[in-house]
Amino acid sequence: MNLFSALCCITLFASSLHAQNSQFQSNFSTIPAQQAELQSELRAEHRADALIGSSSSFLSPLDTSKKVQSLDTVLFDMYGNLRVDDPLYNKRAPWWVPALHIVGQEALLNAFDHYVLNLEWAKVGFTSWGRNLKAGAPWGNGWVWDSTRFGNDMFLHPYTGAMYFDAARATGYSFWESSIYTFAGSYAWKIFGENVTPERNSIIYTTIGGMFGGEILYRLSSNVLDDRTSGSERVLRETIAGILSPGRFAVRLFDGKLSHVTDQEVYKKEPLNITLFAGIHKVNDNDNNFLSGTTSELLNVQFDYGNPFERIDRKPYDFFKVLTEINIGMGRKMINDVTGYGLLCGSNSDVAGFALLSGTFQNFDFWDNPTYELTTLGFGEGVVARMPISTNASWFTVLHLDLVPFGGNSKRAGPSDTSQMGDFNFGGGAEAKFESTLNFGSSASLKLVANYYWFHTFVGEPGNNFIAIVKPRITIGLYHNLSVGIEQSIYSSVRDSPNFSTIHSVSTEQKIFLMLYFEDAERGGHYN
């Protein structure tokens, strides 16, 4: 594909969306005044109804699944917020609109890879397209398993998939409908965006990882956006939301929503707690002496979204948690790990003093450091539990039991910081994840995270790996929501293969950090 062809594709993409935007703009203006007044009254009424008869929403889950027929199924949560994006403002676009957005993303990305980075595999055209189309279905013999860098396969591909996913979500499509667009976008890129033989692992991780990342980024950007604002506040909100979800930003740009002002809130929002960590990270020497070995700086952020103990009609990802750990000074492996989970479906209950959320969860684990590489895509049953201990203390526990259809794990020689080729195996198996926190308000907390993985190799060094990652942590409050903490990390691996004798390895790390906790006042407490 030459530069002229690429520019033609981009121009066609922009023109088509502009035509759609003109039609769309005629279908929405500000929400009618009577509709806005009705929203305000019903929101206030619903909040009052939800709060009557309960002193703590977390200890006594409330039924807030009230359906407002006059607002075309718009729901309100216990805080008076929309339970879904307002359908009057966020109408579903024709199927080809998100498809064009995804095509536009891929055309721009390929043009950048080709003409700016001068990457050989990005030089595509009719010859490569015809050859890749003949490869057939991803599970056929025409597709291969690639051997690029771990971070590229297991992190950048899901991030790209998240952009495809948000192109559909931002045009009015549901979580499950957007996943179809994510798969289609990934498949199209493998066929038309690269001139190499298409790889199976890329389409798997782009699709499933894109669902995880895309829904999280969409919901976080919704919490930032407020179409009622204008001026400098609006610019700031749109900028932050655009950084979080570039795919959604592009949709809003073409739809005219970047500057459009509404009378009422039009996006679903959930309470959001944010925790920031900054400090040092020690990777111990081979003898695992405490606080020995390499030192790097860490900067981490954790998002806790949604109230898991609010009794509502549950929808995908109205409760999720994600932690991103960044290390500075450890070579190219700056993103140490991204771990999290999101609820797909479930329900609330009370059992023996515990407030429970149980259901099916999607889990995503990405560990990439000089000691080991491990990533899993997990689906399974989980339970989130909370029990009050005293006025200022509570016990919070999470348990997941998952099947892992696909993932990656470092080879016996360990990860390489410089290799451009694959230093990991593809496989799958199962995982058990346990997290328990004892909180004493803002004074202190004791936390234990214990993950256990069975990883069976599909492609690479044959055999089974049994991996445990245990992380005890203690934090002490300093002032208000500022704490100091230390975390020990223990990684244990048993590798059993017919090609070599069983290998057992253990490595340890420490993190010493300041922790700043931003609590959403509506969420109801520092419980995690």
Protein backbone atom coordinates (compact mmCIF):
# COMPACT_ATOMS: atom_id res chain seq x y z
CA MET A 1 0.00 0.00 0.00
CA ASN A 2 1.52 3.39 -0.99
CA LEU A 3 1.07 6.70 0.83
CA PHE A 4 -1.62 7.86 -1.60
CA SER A 5 -3.70 4.74 -0.93
CA ALA A 6 -3.38 5.15 2.81
CA LEU A 7 -4.49 8.77 2.63
CA CYS A 8 -7.47 7.79 0.46
CA CYS A 9 -8.57 5.24 3.08
CA ILE A 10 -8.29 7.80 5.85
CA THR A 11 -10.17 10.44 3.83
CA LEU A 12 -12.95 7.98 3.01
CA PHE A 13 -13.18 7.05 6.68
CA ALA A 14 -13.46 10.70 7.78
CA SER A 15 -15.98 11.58 5.09
CA SER A 16 -18.24 8.65 5.93
CA LEU A 17 -18.24 9.53 9.58
CA HIS A 18 -18.89 13.18 8.83
CA ALA A 19 -21.99 12.18 6.88
CA GLN A 20 -23.11 9.98 9.74
CA ASN A 21 -22.38 12.81 12.18
CA SER A 22 -24.64 15.20 10.26
CA GLN A 23 -27.51 12.75 10.55
CA PHE A 24 -26.69 12.04 14.18
CA GLN A 25 -26.56 15.72 15.15
CA SER A 26 -30.07 16.18 13.83
CA ASN A 27 -31.24 13.37 16.13
CA PHE A 28 -29.96 14.80 19.38
CA SER A 29 -29.70 18.21 20.88
CA THR A 30 -29.81 18.91 24.57
CA ILE A 31 -32.12 16.60 26.47
CA PRO A 32 -35.58 18.21 26.43
CA ALA A 33 -36.35 20.33 29.47
CA GLN A 34 -39.30 18.16 30.57
CA GLN A 35 -37.16 15.04 30.22
CA ALA A 36 -34.34 16.64 32.24
CA GLU A 37 -36.76 17.70 34.99
CA LEU A 38 -38.20 14.19 35.12
CA GLN A 39 -34.70 12.72 35.43
CA SER A 40 -33.90 14.98 38.36
CA GLU A 41 -37.13 14.18 40.20
CA LEU A 42 -36.87 10.44 39.68
CA ARG A 43 -33.20 10.38 40.62
CA ALA A 44 -33.85 12.23 43.88
CA GLU A 45 -36.89 10.07 44.65
CA HIS A 46 -34.98 6.87 43.96
CA ARG A 47 -32.03 7.90 46.12
CA ALA A 48 -34.36 8.69 49.01
CA ASP A 49 -36.16 5.37 48.63
CA ALA A 50 -32.85 3.49 48.57
CA LEU A 51 -31.47 5.09 51.70
CA ILE A 52 -34.56 4.69 53.89
CA GLY A 53 -34.19 1.96 56.48
CA SER A 54 -30.42 1.41 56.21
CA SER A 55 -27.55 2.99 58.10
CA SER A 56 -24.91 1.28 55.95
CA SER A 57 -25.40 0.26 52.36
CA PHE A 58 -22.39 -2.06 52.54
CA LEU A 59 -23.66 -4.00 55.55
CA SER A 60 -27.23 -4.29 54.28
CA PRO A 61 -27.33 -4.53 50.45
CA LEU A 62 -30.20 -2.55 49.00
CA ASP A 63 -32.48 -3.42 46.14
CA THR A 64 -31.82 -0.57 43.71
CA SER A 65 -32.92 -2.24 40.51
CA LYS A 66 -35.95 0.03 40.11
CA LYS A 67 -36.90 0.36 36.48
CA VAL A 68 -38.04 3.76 35.25
CA GLN A 69 -40.39 3.02 32.38
CA SER A 70 -40.90 6.67 31.46
CA LEU A 71 -37.18 7.02 30.79
CA ASP A 72 -37.04 4.09 28.37
CA THR A 73 -35.42 1.61 30.83
CA VAL A 74 -32.88 4.10 32.25
CA LEU A 75 -32.05 2.85 35.74
CA PHE A 76 -30.77 4.70 38.80
CA ASP A 77 -28.45 3.29 41.40
CA MET A 78 -28.59 3.92 45.15
CA TYR A 79 -26.67 7.17 44.67
CA GLY A 80 -29.12 8.55 42.11
CA ASN A 81 -26.73 7.96 39.21
CA LEU A 82 -27.71 6.44 35.87
CA ARG A 83 -27.48 2.65 35.80
CA VAL A 84 -26.95 2.67 32.02
CA ASP A 85 -25.88 5.30 29.51
CA ASP A 86 -28.92 7.44 28.69
CA PRO A 87 -30.40 5.80 25.56
CA LEU A 88 -31.88 9.11 24.38
CA TYR A 89 -28.39 10.54 24.05
CA ASN A 90 -26.34 7.42 23.35
CA LYS A 91 -28.32 5.85 20.55
CA ARG A 92 -26.91 2.78 18.85
CA ALA A 93 -25.35 3.71 15.52
CA PRO A 94 -25.69 1.52 12.41
CA TRP A 95 -23.36 -1.48 12.44
CA TRP A 96 -21.02 0.02 9.87
CA VAL A 97 -20.19 3.09 11.96
CA PRO A 98 -18.01 1.29 14.56
CA ALA A 99 -16.66 -0.85 11.72
CA LEU A 100 -15.47 2.32 9.94
CA HIS A 101 -13.92 3.60 13.14
CA ILE A 102 -11.94 0.39 13.50
CA VAL A 103 -10.86 0.50 9.85
CA GLY A 104 -9.72 4.09 10.41
CA GLN A 105 -7.70 3.10 13.48
CA GLU A 106 -6.00 0.32 11.55
CA ALA A 107 -5.27 2.49 8.51
CA LEU A 108 -3.64 5.16 10.70
CA LEU A 109 -1.67 2.58 12.69
CA ASN A 110 -0.40 0.86 9.57
CA ALA A 111 0.57 4.18 7.98
CA PHE A 112 2.52 5.11 11.13
CA ASP A 113 4.27 1.73 11.31
CA HIS A 114 5.08 1.84 7.60
CA TYR A 115 6.03 5.45 6.88
CA VAL A 116 7.26 6.69 10.26
CA LEU A 117 8.80 3.60 11.87
CA ASN A 118 9.64 2.00 8.50
CA LEU A 119 8.75 -1.47 9.74
CA GLU A 120 9.09 -4.11 7.07
CA TRP A 121 6.07 -6.15 8.17
CA ALA A 122 3.80 -3.08 7.79
CA LYS A 123 4.44 -2.77 4.04
CA VAL A 124 1.21 -4.33 2.88
CA GLY A 125 -0.66 -4.47 -0.40
CA PHE A 126 -2.76 -6.68 -2.65
CA THR A 127 -0.14 -9.43 -2.67
CA SER A 128 0.02 -9.77 1.13
CA TRP A 129 -3.76 -9.39 1.44
CA GLY A 130 -4.39 -12.20 -1.02
CA ARG A 131 -1.85 -14.46 0.66
CA ASN A 132 -3.25 -13.86 4.15
CA LEU A 133 -6.83 -14.36 3.00
CA LYS A 134 -5.82 -17.81 1.78
CA ALA A 135 -4.63 -18.66 5.31
CA GLY A 136 -8.20 -19.55 6.20
CA ALA A 137 -9.59 -19.67 9.75
CA PRO A 138 -7.32 -18.87 12.72
CA TRP A 139 -7.50 -22.49 13.94
CA GLY A 140 -6.41 -23.85 10.54
CA ASN A 141 -2.93 -24.75 9.31
CA GLY A 142 -2.56 -21.41 7.54
CA TRP A 143 -2.07 -19.58 10.84
CA VAL A 144 0.99 -19.86 13.12
CA TRP A 145 2.15 -19.15 16.67
CA ASP A 146 4.49 -16.16 16.63
CA SER A 147 7.61 -15.59 18.73
CA THR A 148 7.85 -11.87 19.39
CA ARG A 149 8.40 -10.13 22.70
CA PHE A 150 6.27 -11.07 25.68
CA GLY A 151 5.08 -7.51 26.34
CA ASN A 152 4.13 -7.02 22.70
CA ASP A 153 2.05 -10.20 22.57
CA MET A 154 0.47 -10.04 26.00
CA PHE A 155 0.08 -6.30 26.69
CA LEU A 156 0.17 -4.24 23.49
CA HIS A 157 -2.20 -6.57 21.65
CA PRO A 158 -4.87 -6.34 24.39
CA TYR A 159 -4.43 -2.55 24.42
CA THR A 160 -5.07 -2.44 20.66
CA GLY A 161 -8.11 -4.65 21.16
CA ALA A 162 -9.38 -2.23 23.81
CA MET A 163 -9.42 0.53 21.20
CA TYR A 164 -11.50 -1.64 18.85
CA PHE A 165 -13.82 -2.50 21.72
CA ASP A 166 -14.35 1.14 22.71
CA ALA A 167 -15.12 2.12 19.13
CA ALA A 168 -18.19 -0.10 19.43
CA ARG A 169 -19.06 0.77 23.04
CA ALA A 170 -18.96 4.50 22.27
CA THR A 171 -21.42 4.05 19.41
CA GLY A 172 -24.08 2.46 21.62
CA TYR A 173 -23.20 -1.26 21.59
CA SER A 174 -23.21 -3.50 24.65
CA PHE A 175 -20.29 -5.32 26.26
CA TRP A 176 -20.96 -8.58 24.43
CA GLU A 177 -21.75 -6.91 21.11
CA SER A 178 -18.52 -4.90 21.33
CA SER A 179 -16.53 -8.10 21.85
CA ILE A 180 -17.63 -9.22 18.36
CA TYR A 181 -16.23 -6.02 16.89
CA THR A 182 -12.99 -6.60 18.81
CA PHE A 183 -12.58 -10.03 17.25
CA ALA A 184 -13.42 -8.68 13.78
CA GLY A 185 -10.94 -5.83 14.18
CA SER A 186 -8.20 -8.20 15.31
CA TYR A 187 -8.87 -10.55 12.40
CA ALA A 188 -8.86 -7.68 9.90
CA TRP A 189 -5.52 -6.41 11.21
CA LYS A 190 -3.90 -9.84 10.89
CA ILE A 191 -5.11 -10.10 7.29
CA PHE A 192 -4.71 -6.52 6.03
CA GLY A 193 -2.41 -4.73 8.50
CA GLU A 194 0.65 -6.98 8.30
CA ASN A 195 2.44 -8.83 5.49
CA VAL A 196 3.52 -11.79 7.63
CA THR A 197 1.70 -15.07 8.19
CA PRO A 198 -1.18 -14.34 10.62
CA GLU A 199 -0.68 -15.53 14.22
CA ARG A 200 -3.31 -17.28 16.36
CA ASN A 201 -2.05 -16.01 19.69
CA SER A 202 -2.40 -12.38 18.57
CA ILE A 203 -6.07 -12.70 17.73
CA ILE A 204 -6.79 -14.52 21.01
CA TYR A 205 -5.12 -11.94 23.22
CA THR A 206 -6.33 -8.96 21.23
CA THR A 207 -9.93 -10.14 21.54
CA ILE A 208 -10.15 -11.43 25.11
CA GLY A 209 -7.65 -8.98 26.59
CA GLY A 210 -9.33 -6.21 24.60
CA MET A 211 -12.67 -7.01 26.22
CA PHE A 212 -11.08 -6.69 29.67
CA GLY A 213 -9.17 -3.49 28.97
CA GLY A 214 -11.78 -1.91 26.72
CA GLU A 215 -14.64 -2.09 29.20
CA ILE A 216 -12.44 -0.82 32.03
CA LEU A 217 -11.18 2.14 29.99
CA TYR A 218 -14.69 2.92 28.76
CA ARG A 219 -16.09 3.01 32.29
CA LEU A 220 -13.18 5.00 33.71
CA SER A 221 -13.57 7.57 30.93
CA SER A 222 -17.31 7.74 31.67
CA ASN A 223 -16.51 8.67 35.25
CA VAL A 224 -14.36 11.53 33.94
CA LEU A 225 -16.69 12.82 31.23
CA ASP A 226 -19.45 15.28 32.05
CA ASP A 227 -21.24 16.67 29.01
CA ARG A 228 -22.95 19.28 31.18
CA THR A 229 -19.65 21.19 31.53
CA SER A 230 -17.97 23.68 29.23
CA GLY A 231 -14.86 25.84 29.04
CA SER A 232 -11.56 24.83 30.63
CA GLU A 233 -13.20 22.15 32.79
CA ARG A 234 -14.66 20.52 29.68
CA VAL A 235 -11.30 20.62 27.89
CA LEU A 236 -9.60 19.00 30.87
CA ARG A 237 -12.22 16.28 31.17
CA GLU A 238 -12.15 15.48 27.45
CA THR A 239 -8.33 15.37 27.49
CA ILE A 240 -8.14 12.94 30.41
CA ALA A 241 -10.92 10.77 28.96
CA GLY A 242 -9.14 10.81 25.60
CA ILE A 243 -5.91 9.60 27.18
CA LEU A 244 -7.79 6.83 28.94
CA SER A 245 -9.68 5.74 25.82
CA PRO A 246 -8.38 7.06 22.48
CA GLY A 247 -10.89 4.85 20.67
CA ARG A 248 -13.78 6.57 22.42
CA PHE A 249 -12.22 10.00 21.88
CA ALA A 250 -12.21 9.44 18.11
CA VAL A 251 -15.90 8.51 18.17
CA ARG A 252 -16.78 11.60 20.19
CA LEU A 253 -14.75 13.76 17.81
CA PHE A 254 -16.68 12.63 14.74
CA ASP A 255 -20.04 12.54 16.54
CA GLY A 256 -19.63 16.14 17.72
CA LYS A 257 -19.91 15.19 21.39
CA LEU A 258 -16.58 16.75 22.36
CA SER A 259 -18.21 20.17 22.59
CA HIS A 260 -21.90 19.34 22.87
CA VAL A 261 -23.51 20.50 26.16
CA THR A 262 -26.39 18.61 27.78
CA ASP A 263 -28.85 19.55 30.51
CA GLN A 264 -28.40 16.31 32.50
CA GLU A 265 -25.88 13.58 33.13
CA VAL A 266 -25.93 11.15 30.20
CA TYR A 267 -23.35 8.50 31.19
CA LYS A 268 -23.45 5.64 33.63
CA LYS A 269 -21.09 6.22 36.55
CA GLU A 270 -20.14 4.09 39.51
CA PRO A 271 -18.30 5.03 42.72
CA LEU A 272 -14.54 4.88 42.13
CA ASN A 273 -11.71 4.57 44.64
CA ILE A 274 -8.17 5.32 43.46
CA THR A 275 -4.97 4.30 45.26
CA LEU A 276 -1.54 5.63 44.28
CA PHE A 277 1.74 4.00 45.34
CA ALA A 278 5.25 5.48 45.03
CA GLY A 279 8.47 4.08 46.44
CA ILE A 280 11.27 1.60 45.78
CA HIS A 281 11.25 -1.96 44.47
CA LYS A 282 13.98 -4.43 45.45
CA VAL A 283 14.52 -7.60 43.39
CA ASN A 284 16.63 -9.84 45.63
CA ASP A 285 19.83 -11.64 44.64
CA ASN A 286 19.88 -15.38 44.03
CA ASP A 287 20.29 -16.04 47.75
CA ASN A 288 17.04 -14.08 48.32
CA ASN A 289 18.48 -11.99 51.15
CA PHE A 290 15.97 -9.45 52.40
CA LEU A 291 16.33 -5.99 50.74
CA SER A 292 19.30 -7.15 48.64
CA GLY A 293 19.83 -6.92 44.91
CA THR A 294 18.61 -4.51 42.27
CA THR A 295 16.69 -1.36 43.22
CA SER A 296 14.22 0.48 41.04
CA GLU A 297 11.56 3.14 41.53
CA LEU A 298 7.92 2.13 41.48
CA LEU A 299 4.80 4.09 40.63
CA ASN A 300 1.54 2.12 40.87
CA VAL A 301 -2.13 2.90 40.54
CA GLN A 302 -5.15 0.83 41.58
CA PHE A 303 -8.77 1.38 40.61
CA ASP A 304 -11.68 -0.08 42.62
CA TYR A 305 -14.85 0.56 40.62
CA GLY A 306 -18.40 0.01 41.77
CA ASN A 307 -19.97 -1.04 45.03
CA PRO A 308 -19.82 -4.86 45.14
CA PHE A 309 -22.40 -4.96 47.95
CA GLU A 310 -25.11 -2.84 46.40
CA ARG A 311 -28.05 -5.09 45.51
CA ILE A 312 -28.73 -4.33 41.87
CA ASP A 313 -29.41 -6.05 38.57
CA ARG A 314 -25.78 -6.84 37.76
CA LYS A 315 -24.27 -6.02 34.36
CA PRO A 316 -20.79 -6.84 33.00
CA TYR A 317 -18.08 -4.84 34.78
CA ASP A 318 -20.28 -2.74 37.04
CA PHE A 319 -17.73 -3.94 39.60
CA PHE A 320 -14.04 -4.37 38.79
CA LYS A 321 -10.59 -3.93 40.24
CA VAL A 322 -7.34 -3.36 38.33
CA LEU A 323 -3.78 -2.70 39.54
CA THR A 324 -0.96 -1.45 37.31
CA GLU A 325 2.62 -1.52 38.60
CA ILE A 326 5.31 0.50 36.84
CA ASN A 327 9.03 0.13 37.57
CA ILE A 328 11.56 2.72 36.47
CA GLY A 329 15.19 1.72 36.11
CA MET A 330 14.82 -2.00 35.30
CA GLY A 331 15.58 -1.95 31.59
CA ARG A 332 12.78 -2.17 29.04
CA LYS A 333 10.46 -4.02 31.45
CA MET A 334 8.80 -0.92 32.88
CA ILE A 335 5.29 -2.36 33.21
CA ASN A 336 5.92 -4.87 35.98
CA ASP A 337 2.38 -6.21 36.08
CA VAL A 338 -1.25 -5.49 35.27
CA THR A 339 -3.70 -7.62 37.22
CA GLY A 340 -7.41 -7.36 37.73
CA TYR A 341 -10.85 -8.83 37.45
CA GLY A 342 -14.30 -7.76 36.36
CA LEU A 343 -17.73 -9.16 37.11
CA LEU A 344 -19.54 -10.65 34.11
CA CYS A 345 -22.73 -11.70 35.88
CA GLY A 346 -23.71 -12.28 39.48
CA SER A 347 -25.95 -11.48 42.42
CA ASN A 348 -25.79 -10.25 46.01
CA SER A 349 -26.74 -12.02 49.22
CA ASP A 350 -26.11 -12.09 53.00
CA VAL A 351 -24.72 -15.21 54.68
CA ALA A 352 -23.72 -15.54 58.36
CA GLY A 353 -22.93 -11.86 58.76
CA PHE A 354 -21.11 -11.56 55.44
CA ALA A 355 -22.28 -9.31 52.61
CA LEU A 356 -21.57 -11.28 49.43
CA LEU A 357 -21.28 -10.76 45.71
CA SER A 358 -20.97 -14.06 43.88
CA GLY A 359 -20.90 -14.77 40.18
CA THR A 360 -18.78 -15.28 37.09
CA PHE A 361 -15.69 -13.12 36.63
CA GLN A 362 -13.15 -12.43 33.92
CA ASN A 363 -9.56 -12.29 35.20
CA PHE A 364 -6.50 -10.83 33.50
CA ASP A 365 -2.99 -11.32 34.90
CA PHE A 366 0.15 -9.91 33.26
CA TRP A 367 3.48 -10.29 35.08
CA ASP A 368 6.58 -9.11 33.21
CA ASN A 369 9.78 -8.60 35.19
CA PRO A 370 13.42 -9.75 35.06
CA THR A 371 12.62 -12.78 37.24
CA TYR A 372 9.65 -14.30 35.43
CA GLU A 373 7.00 -13.75 32.76
CA LEU A 374 3.45 -15.00 33.25
CA THR A 375 0.11 -14.02 31.81
CA THR A 376 -3.31 -15.66 32.04
CA LEU A 377 -6.80 -15.07 30.69
CA GLY A 378 -9.13 -16.60 33.26
CA PHE A 379 -12.89 -17.17 33.45
CA GLY A 380 -14.62 -18.71 36.43
CA GLU A 381 -16.61 -18.41 39.59
CA GLY A 382 -15.76 -15.90 42.27
CA VAL A 383 -17.04 -14.42 45.49
CA VAL A 384 -16.44 -11.03 47.11
CA ALA A 385 -17.19 -10.89 50.85
CA ARG A 386 -17.18 -8.26 53.57
CA MET A 387 -17.78 -8.58 57.29
CA PRO A 388 -17.74 -5.73 59.81
CA ILE A 389 -15.44 -6.38 62.76
CA SER A 390 -16.06 -3.17 64.66
CA THR A 391 -16.98 0.44 64.00
CA ASN A 392 -13.59 1.17 62.39
CA ALA A 393 -12.54 -2.29 61.26
CA SER A 394 -13.70 -4.68 58.54
CA TRP A 395 -12.61 -7.85 56.82
CA PHE A 396 -12.71 -7.97 53.03
CA THR A 397 -12.02 -11.18 51.06
CA VAL A 398 -12.03 -12.19 47.38
CA LEU A 399 -11.74 -15.72 45.99
CA HIS A 400 -11.57 -16.78 42.32
CA LEU A 401 -11.45 -20.28 40.83
CA ASP A 402 -10.84 -20.03 37.08
CA LEU A 403 -10.20 -22.02 33.98
CA VAL A 404 -7.42 -20.49 31.89
CA PRO A 405 -7.99 -21.25 28.20
CA PHE A 406 -4.86 -19.38 27.15
CA GLY A 407 -1.78 -17.70 28.55
CA GLY A 408 1.99 -17.41 28.44
CA ASN A 409 4.82 -18.40 30.78
CA SER A 410 8.58 -17.87 30.69
CA LYS A 411 10.79 -20.78 29.67
CA ARG A 412 13.10 -22.56 32.10
CA ALA A 413 15.99 -20.23 31.22
CA GLY A 414 13.89 -17.30 32.40
CA PRO A 415 12.90 -14.08 30.64
CA SER A 416 15.33 -12.10 28.53
CA ASP A 417 15.54 -8.32 28.72
CA THR A 418 17.11 -7.96 25.28
CA SER A 419 15.78 -10.79 23.11
CA GLN A 420 13.51 -9.81 20.24
CA MET A 421 12.28 -13.39 19.96
CA GLY A 422 9.92 -15.36 22.17
CA ASP A 423 11.35 -16.41 25.53
CA PHE A 424 8.05 -17.88 26.71
CA ASN A 425 5.65 -20.78 26.14
CA PHE A 426 1.98 -20.68 25.15
CA GLY A 427 -0.41 -22.75 27.23
CA GLY A 428 -3.37 -22.82 29.57
CA GLY A 429 -4.74 -24.53 32.64
CA ALA A 430 -6.36 -23.23 35.79
CA GLU A 431 -5.84 -20.68 38.56
CA ALA A 432 -6.95 -19.98 42.12
CA LYS A 433 -6.69 -16.41 43.43
CA PHE A 434 -7.19 -15.34 47.01
CA GLU A 435 -7.13 -11.82 48.45
CA SER A 436 -7.88 -10.90 52.04
CA THR A 437 -7.65 -7.50 53.74
CA LEU A 438 -8.15 -6.53 57.35
CA ASN A 439 -8.72 -2.78 57.51
CA PHE A 440 -8.60 -0.59 60.59
CA GLY A 441 -9.96 2.52 58.92
CA SER A 442 -7.18 4.89 57.92
CA SER A 443 -4.96 3.69 60.80
CA ALA A 444 -3.58 0.45 59.35
CA SER A 445 -4.28 -2.52 57.11
CA LEU A 446 -3.05 -6.08 56.76
CA LYS A 447 -3.34 -7.66 53.33
CA LEU A 448 -2.51 -11.04 51.80
CA VAL A 449 -2.63 -11.89 48.09
CA ALA A 450 -2.02 -15.52 47.11
CA ASN A 451 -2.29 -16.73 43.51
CA TYR A 452 -1.72 -20.31 42.36
CA TYR A 453 -1.45 -21.31 38.70
CA TRP A 454 -1.34 -24.63 36.89
CA PHE A 455 0.10 -23.96 33.45
CA HIS A 456 0.20 -26.70 30.82
CA THR A 457 2.29 -25.89 27.74
CA PHE A 458 0.58 -26.06 24.34
CA VAL A 459 3.39 -24.57 22.27
CA GLY A 460 6.99 -24.50 23.48
CA GLU A 461 8.78 -26.54 26.12
CA PRO A 462 6.40 -29.45 26.91
CA GLY A 463 5.27 -30.08 30.46
CA ASN A 464 3.44 -28.55 33.40
CA ASN A 465 4.34 -25.59 35.55
CA PHE A 466 3.00 -25.04 39.06
CA ILE A 467 3.40 -21.41 40.08
CA ALA A 468 2.61 -19.63 43.33
CA ILE A 469 2.80 -15.88 43.88
CA VAL A 470 2.28 -14.77 47.49
CA LYS A 471 2.29 -11.12 48.55
CA PRO A 472 1.77 -10.14 52.22
CA ARG A 473 1.53 -6.38 52.87
CA ILE A 474 1.19 -4.07 55.84
CA THR A 475 0.41 -0.35 55.79
CA ILE A 476 0.45 2.17 58.64
CA GLY A 477 -1.47 5.42 58.45
CA LEU A 478 0.55 8.64 58.59
CA TYR A 479 -1.92 11.45 57.99
CA HIS A 480 -5.51 11.21 56.77
CA ASN A 481 -5.36 8.99 53.64
CA LEU A 482 -1.56 8.91 53.41
CA SER A 483 0.11 5.69 54.59
CA VAL A 484 3.49 4.01 54.49
CA GLY A 485 3.74 0.34 53.64
CA ILE A 486 5.96 -2.61 52.86
CA GLU A 487 5.12 -5.61 50.69
CA GLN A 488 6.96 -8.90 50.36
CA SER A 489 6.58 -10.85 47.12
CA ILE A 490 7.44 -14.55 46.88
CA TYR A 491 7.48 -16.29 43.50
CA SER A 492 7.74 -20.08 43.53
CA SER A 493 7.78 -22.23 40.40
CA VAL A 494 7.95 -26.00 39.87
CA ARG A 495 8.63 -27.01 36.26
CA ASP A 496 7.93 -30.61 35.33
CA SER A 497 8.89 -31.59 31.79
CA PRO A 498 9.77 -34.82 29.97
CA ASN A 499 12.72 -33.00 28.40
CA PHE A 500 14.56 -32.14 31.63
CA SER A 501 14.57 -32.92 35.32
CA THR A 502 12.10 -31.10 37.57
CA ILE A 503 13.16 -27.55 38.39
CA HIS A 504 12.11 -25.73 41.56
CA SER A 505 12.92 -22.03 41.85
CA VAL A 506 12.07 -19.33 44.39
CA SER A 507 12.63 -15.59 44.10
CA THR A 508 11.69 -12.74 46.40
CA GLU A 509 11.09 -9.01 46.12
CA GLN A 510 10.24 -6.15 48.46
CA LYS A 511 8.38 -2.90 47.90
CA ILE A 512 8.55 0.02 50.30
CA PHE A 513 6.13 2.78 49.42
CA LEU A 514 3.95 5.70 50.33
CA MET A 515 0.30 5.04 49.60
CA LEU A 516 -2.24 7.79 48.91
CA TYR A 517 -5.88 6.72 48.92
CA PHE A 518 -8.62 8.73 47.21
CA GLU A 519 -12.00 7.52 48.39
CA ASP A 520 -15.20 8.19 46.55
CA ALA A 521 -17.46 9.58 49.27
CA GLU A 522 -20.43 7.73 47.81
CA ARG A 523 -18.68 4.38 47.92
CA GLY A 524 -19.01 4.06 51.66
CA GLY A 525 -15.68 3.11 53.14
CA HIS A 526 -12.06 2.05 52.83
CA TYR A 527 -12.65 -1.67 52.58
CA ASN A 528 -9.92 -2.80 50.21
